[in-house]
Amino acid sequence: MSLAMKLTALLLRRKPNVFVTEERLREALRHNPPDAPVPDSLRRSCRVTTETVDGHEVITLTPRSGPTGTQVIYLHGGVYVRPLVSAHWRIIEDLIRRTGATFVVPLYGLAPRYTADDAYRFLDTVYETVVQRAGDRPVLLAGDSCGAGLSVGLAIRCRNEGLRPPTGLILFSPWLDVTMTNPGIPALTKLDPMLAPAGFVAAGQDWAGGRSVTDPLVSPLHDTLEKLPPITIHQGGHDILLPDAEKFAAKARAAGTPTTLHLWPTAFHVFVAAPWTPEGRHALRDAATRIRAAGQGEPVAHTDR
């Protein structure tokens, strides 16, 4: 563990863990802030446009210098109940700087007011628009935490509906099974400086709405994972979502989906949002390499055995 990672984890432990109980999460959600605005630094480096689709904002950021035409739809984390925060913009800004890709950031509706069904109706339209605009250029899906899980769900939906598939998926600390029943989770709870299962279970039930919590569009781990685009995962070892990420990667490989899992043994949840750590920088550099590779017609991921 790098010193920067260790110090950041210690600081995270000093913050109240709102996921310890459902009650604590519900109380925190009463004070949810609005989505964090696009930072001035991104407005200087990118042309920023905002449109409303199905009542929700979609923010598009196109580099002012050296745009490649590659499109990345980035879905933010927040356990499906919390808004986009400044840490998400840090990830997006770093990847735009490294790749020259255009990033599309859909602000999907949050549970409990909105559910997975609402999100997919919205994202279907967003995805179709981006694909049409991209023409023959790549369109990738990326995200962190629940946004990474939602990215997989959108790829599953494209496969099931016979739509043009994404060129690849880039997943940071993905939440892939909202049931949180993996027997490996309890042992990691004491190591995780940020998360706890109880709040995640409650949020997942809200997000499922009328669907089963094991529906693949809610918990992609329960899909066959066949015939999906290449997938790259960056996952920390001090994260309660690790066991399901490992299970997902193994299942996807067995199904023939090219999948690369990068495990950072002492990293916390969505550590890429801490680019002052060497682990975060290296993971972002790898993700950027894969986005650039897509633009050059090279594989985004390989089958990692």
Foldseek 3Di string as FASTA:
>chain_A
DDPVQVVVLVVLLVDDFQAAAQVSVVVVLVVADAADDQDPVQVVQWPWDWDAFPRWIKIKTAGPPDALLEEEEEEEDDLLRHWHYVLVSLLVVLLCVLARYMYIYTGFHGPLVAALVSRLVRVVVVVVVSCVSSPPFAYEYEYFAQSLLLSLLNQVVCVVVVHDHGQEYEYELYQQQLCLPPPVLVVLPVLASHHDNNNSNVRLVSRCVPHDSLPCNSHVLNDQLAPGHEYEYEHEQSESSVVSVVSSLVSNVVNVHFYHYHYHHNHHGRNLSVCVDPSNVVSSNLQSVLSNCSRVVHGSGGRDD
